[in-house]
Amino acid sequence: MPGFTCGLDATLRVVAGKWKPLILYFLAQGGPTRYGELRRAVRDVSDKMLIQQLKELEADGLVKRTDYREVPPRVDYSLTALGHSLAEALVPLCAWGTDNLAEVTRVFARREALNDRGRS
């Protein structure tokens, strides 16, 4: 069992990666979600990465996968109680991003311009 330096360390390890917070966010928007719905919501993620991230979130007890064993296959994903509590903890981060979207956009544009100049 890995040791954690603090609660933030534990949280960051659970949500490590680009896609897990987004998956949690979209699942928290309401009810069980089909894979295709998640795939459309979490834009730019590959199928392989989305499946991997869902499996990890399920193994960590944050996401519940329900396989209805039907033809054609039907699988739903939803948050567990632990997943809901983590999604609630992410709400202030979402609000910060919304409140600061213009400034963050400028920062990233400036960074990209500097990187482009460095490559030339």
N, C-alpha and C. Protein backbone atom coordinates (compact mmCIF):
# COMPACT_ATOMS: atom_id res chain seq x y z
N MET A 1 0.85 -1.18 0.00
CA MET A 1 0.00 0.00 0.00
C MET A 1 0.89 1.24 0.00
N PRO A 2 0.67 2.12 -0.98
CA PRO A 2 1.54 3.29 -1.04
C PRO A 2 1.27 4.23 0.12
N GLY A 3 2.32 4.85 0.61
CA GLY A 3 2.16 5.85 1.66
C GLY A 3 1.84 7.19 1.02
N PHE A 4 1.01 7.96 1.67
CA PHE A 4 0.64 9.27 1.16
C PHE A 4 1.24 10.32 2.07
N THR A 5 1.72 11.40 1.49
CA THR A 5 2.30 12.47 2.29
C THR A 5 1.22 13.32 2.94
N CYS A 6 0.03 13.37 2.32
CA CYS A 6 -1.09 14.13 2.88
C CYS A 6 -2.36 13.74 2.11
N GLY A 7 -3.48 14.30 2.52
CA GLY A 7 -4.74 13.99 1.85
C GLY A 7 -4.75 14.42 0.39
N LEU A 8 -4.10 15.54 0.08
CA LEU A 8 -4.03 15.99 -1.31
C LEU A 8 -3.27 14.98 -2.16
N ASP A 9 -2.20 14.42 -1.62
CA ASP A 9 -1.43 13.39 -2.33
C ASP A 9 -2.33 12.20 -2.65
N ALA A 10 -3.12 11.75 -1.69
CA ALA A 10 -4.03 10.62 -1.91
C ALA A 10 -5.05 10.96 -2.99
N THR A 11 -5.62 12.15 -2.92
CA THR A 11 -6.62 12.57 -3.91
C THR A 11 -6.02 12.64 -5.31
N LEU A 12 -4.84 13.25 -5.41
CA LEU A 12 -4.21 13.38 -6.72
C LEU A 12 -3.85 12.03 -7.33
N ARG A 13 -3.49 11.08 -6.51
CA ARG A 13 -3.19 9.74 -7.03
C ARG A 13 -4.45 9.07 -7.57
N VAL A 14 -5.58 9.30 -6.91
CA VAL A 14 -6.84 8.70 -7.36
C VAL A 14 -7.29 9.32 -8.68
N VAL A 15 -7.11 10.62 -8.83
CA VAL A 15 -7.57 11.29 -10.05
C VAL A 15 -6.43 11.56 -11.03
N ALA A 16 -5.31 10.88 -10.84
CA ALA A 16 -4.15 11.10 -11.70
C ALA A 16 -4.50 10.89 -13.16
N GLY A 17 -4.03 11.78 -13.97
CA GLY A 17 -4.25 11.69 -15.40
C GLY A 17 -5.18 12.79 -15.88
N LYS A 18 -5.17 12.97 -17.16
CA LYS A 18 -5.94 14.03 -17.79
C LYS A 18 -7.43 13.75 -17.82
N TRP A 19 -7.81 12.48 -17.90
CA TRP A 19 -9.19 12.14 -18.21
C TRP A 19 -10.06 11.80 -17.00
N LYS A 20 -9.49 11.31 -15.92
CA LYS A 20 -10.30 10.87 -14.78
C LYS A 20 -11.17 11.98 -14.20
N PRO A 21 -10.64 13.18 -13.97
CA PRO A 21 -11.52 14.23 -13.44
C PRO A 21 -12.69 14.54 -14.39
N LEU A 22 -12.43 14.51 -15.69
CA LEU A 22 -13.50 14.77 -16.66
C LEU A 22 -14.54 13.65 -16.65
N ILE A 23 -14.09 12.42 -16.55
CA ILE A 23 -15.02 11.29 -16.47
C ILE A 23 -15.90 11.44 -15.23
N LEU A 24 -15.28 11.73 -14.10
CA LEU A 24 -16.05 11.93 -12.86
C LEU A 24 -17.04 13.07 -13.01
N TYR A 25 -16.60 14.15 -13.62
CA TYR A 25 -17.47 15.31 -13.82
C TYR A 25 -18.70 14.93 -14.64
N PHE A 26 -18.50 14.27 -15.77
CA PHE A 26 -19.63 13.93 -16.63
C PHE A 26 -20.53 12.87 -16.01
N LEU A 27 -19.97 11.93 -15.28
CA LEU A 27 -20.81 10.95 -14.59
C LEU A 27 -21.64 11.61 -13.49
N ALA A 28 -21.09 12.65 -12.89
CA ALA A 28 -21.81 13.34 -11.80
C ALA A 28 -22.97 14.18 -12.33
N GLN A 29 -23.02 14.40 -13.64
CA GLN A 29 -24.07 15.23 -14.20
C GLN A 29 -25.44 14.56 -14.16
N GLY A 30 -25.46 13.26 -13.89
CA GLY A 30 -26.76 12.63 -13.70
C GLY A 30 -26.85 11.22 -14.22
N GLY A 31 -27.22 10.36 -13.33
CA GLY A 31 -27.59 8.99 -13.66
C GLY A 31 -26.54 8.15 -14.36
N PRO A 32 -26.88 6.89 -14.56
CA PRO A 32 -25.98 6.00 -15.28
C PRO A 32 -25.75 6.49 -16.70
N THR A 33 -24.55 6.30 -17.19
CA THR A 33 -24.15 6.79 -18.50
C THR A 33 -23.61 5.64 -19.34
N ARG A 34 -24.06 5.56 -20.56
CA ARG A 34 -23.55 4.56 -21.49
C ARG A 34 -22.16 4.96 -21.96
N TYR A 35 -21.38 3.98 -22.41
CA TYR A 35 -20.02 4.23 -22.86
C TYR A 35 -20.00 5.29 -23.97
N GLY A 36 -20.88 5.14 -24.95
CA GLY A 36 -20.91 6.07 -26.08
C GLY A 36 -21.17 7.50 -25.64
N GLU A 37 -22.03 7.68 -24.65
CA GLU A 37 -22.31 9.02 -24.12
C GLU A 37 -21.05 9.61 -23.49
N LEU A 38 -20.34 8.79 -22.73
CA LEU A 38 -19.09 9.26 -22.12
C LEU A 38 -18.07 9.61 -23.18
N ARG A 39 -17.97 8.77 -24.19
CA ARG A 39 -17.00 8.98 -25.27
C ARG A 39 -17.24 10.31 -25.97
N ARG A 40 -18.51 10.64 -26.19
CA ARG A 40 -18.84 11.93 -26.83
C ARG A 40 -18.58 13.10 -25.87
N ALA A 41 -18.85 12.91 -24.59
CA ALA A 41 -18.68 13.99 -23.61
C ALA A 41 -17.21 14.30 -23.37
N VAL A 42 -16.39 13.27 -23.23
CA VAL A 42 -14.96 13.44 -22.96
C VAL A 42 -14.25 13.48 -24.31
N ARG A 43 -14.31 14.61 -24.96
CA ARG A 43 -13.76 14.75 -26.31
C ARG A 43 -12.26 14.53 -26.32
N ASP A 44 -11.79 14.04 -27.43
CA ASP A 44 -10.36 13.84 -27.71
C ASP A 44 -9.72 12.67 -26.98
N VAL A 45 -10.47 11.94 -26.15
CA VAL A 45 -9.91 10.76 -25.50
C VAL A 45 -10.04 9.58 -26.46
N SER A 46 -9.01 8.73 -26.51
CA SER A 46 -9.08 7.54 -27.35
C SER A 46 -9.92 6.48 -26.64
N ASP A 47 -10.45 5.54 -27.41
CA ASP A 47 -11.21 4.44 -26.81
C ASP A 47 -10.36 3.68 -25.81
N LYS A 48 -9.12 3.40 -26.19
CA LYS A 48 -8.22 2.63 -25.32
C LYS A 48 -8.03 3.35 -23.98
N MET A 49 -7.79 4.66 -24.03
CA MET A 49 -7.55 5.42 -22.80
C MET A 49 -8.82 5.52 -21.97
N LEU A 50 -9.97 5.74 -22.60
CA LEU A 50 -11.22 5.85 -21.84
C LEU A 50 -11.52 4.53 -21.14
N ILE A 51 -11.36 3.44 -21.83
CA ILE A 51 -11.60 2.13 -21.22
C ILE A 51 -10.64 1.90 -20.05
N GLN A 52 -9.37 2.24 -20.25
CA GLN A 52 -8.37 2.07 -19.17
C GLN A 52 -8.72 2.92 -17.96
N GLN A 53 -9.08 4.17 -18.19
CA GLN A 53 -9.40 5.06 -17.09
C GLN A 53 -10.66 4.60 -16.35
N LEU A 54 -11.67 4.14 -17.09
CA LEU A 54 -12.89 3.62 -16.46
C LEU A 54 -12.58 2.39 -15.61
N LYS A 55 -11.73 1.51 -16.12
CA LYS A 55 -11.35 0.31 -15.35
C LYS A 55 -10.64 0.70 -14.06
N GLU A 56 -9.75 1.69 -14.13
CA GLU A 56 -9.03 2.13 -12.94
C GLU A 56 -9.98 2.78 -11.93
N LEU A 57 -10.90 3.61 -12.42
CA LEU A 57 -11.87 4.24 -11.53
C LEU A 57 -12.78 3.20 -10.89
N GLU A 58 -13.11 2.16 -11.64
CA GLU A 58 -13.92 1.07 -11.09
C GLU A 58 -13.13 0.31 -10.03
N ALA A 59 -11.87 0.00 -10.33
CA ALA A 59 -11.02 -0.73 -9.38
C ALA A 59 -10.80 0.07 -8.10
N ASP A 60 -10.80 1.41 -8.21
CA ASP A 60 -10.61 2.28 -7.05
C ASP A 60 -11.90 2.52 -6.28
N GLY A 61 -13.01 1.95 -6.75
CA GLY A 61 -14.27 2.06 -6.05
C GLY A 61 -15.01 3.37 -6.27
N LEU A 62 -14.66 4.09 -7.34
CA LEU A 62 -15.30 5.37 -7.62
C LEU A 62 -16.42 5.25 -8.66
N VAL A 63 -16.30 4.27 -9.53
CA VAL A 63 -17.26 4.08 -10.61
C VAL A 63 -17.82 2.67 -10.54
N LYS A 64 -19.11 2.56 -10.80
CA LYS A 64 -19.77 1.26 -10.87
C LYS A 64 -20.11 0.97 -12.32
N ARG A 65 -19.74 -0.21 -12.77
CA ARG A 65 -20.04 -0.65 -14.14
C ARG A 65 -21.14 -1.69 -14.07
N THR A 66 -22.23 -1.46 -14.79
CA THR A 66 -23.34 -2.40 -14.82
C THR A 66 -23.46 -2.97 -16.22
N ASP A 67 -23.23 -4.27 -16.33
CA ASP A 67 -23.34 -4.98 -17.61
C ASP A 67 -24.68 -5.71 -17.61
N TYR A 68 -25.56 -5.36 -18.54
CA TYR A 68 -26.89 -5.94 -18.59
C TYR A 68 -26.93 -7.28 -19.33
N ARG A 69 -25.79 -7.70 -19.87
CA ARG A 69 -25.66 -8.99 -20.56
C ARG A 69 -26.77 -9.19 -21.59
N GLU A 70 -26.90 -8.17 -22.45
CA GLU A 70 -27.88 -8.21 -23.52
C GLU A 70 -27.17 -8.20 -24.86
N VAL A 71 -27.94 -8.53 -25.89
CA VAL A 71 -27.45 -8.41 -27.26
C VAL A 71 -28.39 -7.44 -27.96
N PRO A 72 -27.89 -6.34 -28.50
CA PRO A 72 -26.50 -5.89 -28.46
C PRO A 72 -26.09 -5.52 -27.03
N PRO A 73 -24.78 -5.51 -26.78
CA PRO A 73 -24.29 -5.25 -25.42
C PRO A 73 -24.76 -3.90 -24.90
N ARG A 74 -25.11 -3.87 -23.62
CA ARG A 74 -25.50 -2.62 -22.95
C ARG A 74 -24.79 -2.57 -21.61
N VAL A 75 -23.99 -1.51 -21.44
CA VAL A 75 -23.23 -1.31 -20.20
C VAL A 75 -23.44 0.14 -19.76
N ASP A 76 -23.71 0.33 -18.48
CA ASP A 76 -23.86 1.66 -17.90
C ASP A 76 -22.74 1.89 -16.89
N TYR A 77 -22.36 3.15 -16.77
CA TYR A 77 -21.40 3.56 -15.75
C TYR A 77 -22.07 4.59 -14.87
N SER A 78 -21.81 4.52 -13.57
CA SER A 78 -22.34 5.49 -12.62
C SER A 78 -21.34 5.65 -11.49
N LEU A 79 -21.52 6.71 -10.72
CA LEU A 79 -20.63 6.95 -9.58
C LEU A 79 -21.11 6.18 -8.36
N THR A 80 -20.16 5.68 -7.59
CA THR A 80 -20.45 5.10 -6.29
C THR A 80 -20.59 6.26 -5.30
N ALA A 81 -20.90 5.96 -4.06
CA ALA A 81 -20.96 7.01 -3.03
C ALA A 81 -19.60 7.70 -2.90
N LEU A 82 -18.53 6.91 -2.94
CA LEU A 82 -17.18 7.49 -2.86
C LEU A 82 -16.91 8.37 -4.08
N GLY A 83 -17.35 7.92 -5.24
CA GLY A 83 -17.18 8.71 -6.45
C GLY A 83 -17.95 10.01 -6.40
N HIS A 84 -19.17 9.97 -5.86
CA HIS A 84 -19.96 11.19 -5.71
C HIS A 84 -19.26 12.18 -4.79
N SER A 85 -18.70 11.68 -3.70
CA SER A 85 -18.02 12.59 -2.76
C SER A 85 -16.80 13.24 -3.41
N LEU A 86 -16.08 12.49 -4.24
CA LEU A 86 -14.93 13.06 -4.94
C LEU A 86 -15.40 14.06 -6.00
N ALA A 87 -16.47 13.73 -6.72
CA ALA A 87 -16.99 14.66 -7.73
C ALA A 87 -17.41 15.97 -7.08
N GLU A 88 -17.99 15.90 -5.89
CA GLU A 88 -18.37 17.12 -5.16
C GLU A 88 -17.14 17.94 -4.79
N ALA A 89 -16.05 17.25 -4.47
CA ALA A 89 -14.82 17.95 -4.12
C ALA A 89 -14.21 18.65 -5.34
N LEU A 90 -14.53 18.18 -6.54
CA LEU A 90 -14.01 18.79 -7.76
C LEU A 90 -14.80 20.02 -8.19
N VAL A 91 -15.98 20.22 -7.63
CA VAL A 91 -16.83 21.35 -8.01
C VAL A 91 -16.10 22.69 -7.88
N PRO A 92 -15.39 22.96 -6.77
CA PRO A 92 -14.67 24.25 -6.70
C PRO A 92 -13.61 24.40 -7.80
N LEU A 93 -12.99 23.32 -8.22
CA LEU A 93 -12.02 23.41 -9.31
C LEU A 93 -12.73 23.78 -10.61
N CYS A 94 -13.91 23.21 -10.85
CA CYS A 94 -14.70 23.57 -12.03
C CYS A 94 -15.06 25.04 -11.99
N ALA A 95 -15.48 25.52 -10.83
CA ALA A 95 -15.86 26.93 -10.68
C ALA A 95 -14.66 27.83 -10.93
N TRP A 96 -13.50 27.46 -10.40
CA TRP A 96 -12.29 28.25 -10.62
C TRP A 96 -11.97 28.33 -12.11
N GLY A 97 -12.06 27.20 -12.79
CA GLY A 97 -11.79 27.19 -14.23
C GLY A 97 -12.75 28.07 -15.00
N THR A 98 -14.02 28.02 -14.64
CA THR A 98 -15.03 28.86 -15.29
C THR A 98 -14.76 30.33 -15.02
N ASP A 99 -14.49 30.64 -13.75
CA ASP A 99 -14.26 32.04 -13.36
C ASP A 99 -13.01 32.63 -14.00
N ASN A 100 -12.03 31.80 -14.28
CA ASN A 100 -10.75 32.28 -14.78
C ASN A 100 -10.46 31.84 -16.22
N LEU A 101 -11.47 31.44 -16.93
CA LEU A 101 -11.29 30.89 -18.28
C LEU A 101 -10.56 31.85 -19.21
N ALA A 102 -10.93 33.12 -19.20
CA ALA A 102 -10.29 34.09 -20.10
C ALA A 102 -8.80 34.22 -19.79
N GLU A 103 -8.45 34.34 -18.51
CA GLU A 103 -7.04 34.48 -18.14
C GLU A 103 -6.25 33.21 -18.45
N VAL A 104 -6.84 32.05 -18.16
CA VAL A 104 -6.15 30.78 -18.44
C VAL A 104 -5.95 30.64 -19.95
N THR A 105 -6.93 31.05 -20.75
CA THR A 105 -6.80 31.00 -22.20
C THR A 105 -5.64 31.87 -22.66
N ARG A 106 -5.52 33.08 -22.09
CA ARG A 106 -4.40 33.97 -22.43
C ARG A 106 -3.06 33.35 -22.03
N VAL A 107 -3.00 32.76 -20.85
CA VAL A 107 -1.76 32.14 -20.38
C VAL A 107 -1.32 31.03 -21.32
N PHE A 108 -2.26 30.18 -21.72
CA PHE A 108 -1.90 29.07 -22.60
C PHE A 108 -1.54 29.56 -24.00
N ALA A 109 -2.20 30.61 -24.47
CA ALA A 109 -1.86 31.17 -25.77
C ALA A 109 -0.45 31.76 -25.75
N ARG A 110 -0.12 32.44 -24.64
CA ARG A 110 1.22 33.02 -24.48
C ARG A 110 2.27 31.91 -24.44
N ARG A 111 1.98 30.86 -23.69
CA ARG A 111 2.90 29.73 -23.60
C ARG A 111 3.12 29.10 -24.98
N GLU A 112 2.04 28.92 -25.72
CA GLU A 112 2.13 28.31 -27.06
C GLU A 112 2.95 29.20 -27.99
N ALA A 113 2.76 30.51 -27.90
CA ALA A 113 3.54 31.44 -28.74
C ALA A 113 5.02 31.35 -28.41
N LEU A 114 5.34 31.28 -27.11
CA LEU A 114 6.75 31.13 -26.71
C LEU A 114 7.34 29.82 -27.21
N ASN A 115 6.56 28.75 -27.13
CA ASN A 115 7.03 27.46 -27.62
C ASN A 115 7.25 27.48 -29.11
N ASP A 116 6.36 28.16 -29.84
CA ASP A 116 6.51 28.26 -31.29
C ASP A 116 7.77 29.03 -31.66
N ARG A 117 8.05 30.12 -30.92
CA ARG A 117 9.27 30.89 -31.19
C ARG A 117 10.52 30.07 -30.88
N GLY A 118 10.44 29.25 -29.83
CA GLY A 118 11.57 28.42 -29.45
C GLY A 118 11.87 27.34 -30.48
N ARG A 119 10.84 26.88 -31.17
CA ARG A 119 11.01 25.85 -32.20
C ARG A 119 11.56 26.42 -33.51
N SER A 120 11.41 27.74 -33.73
CA SER A 120 11.84 28.34 -35.00
C SER A 120 13.31 28.60 -35.03
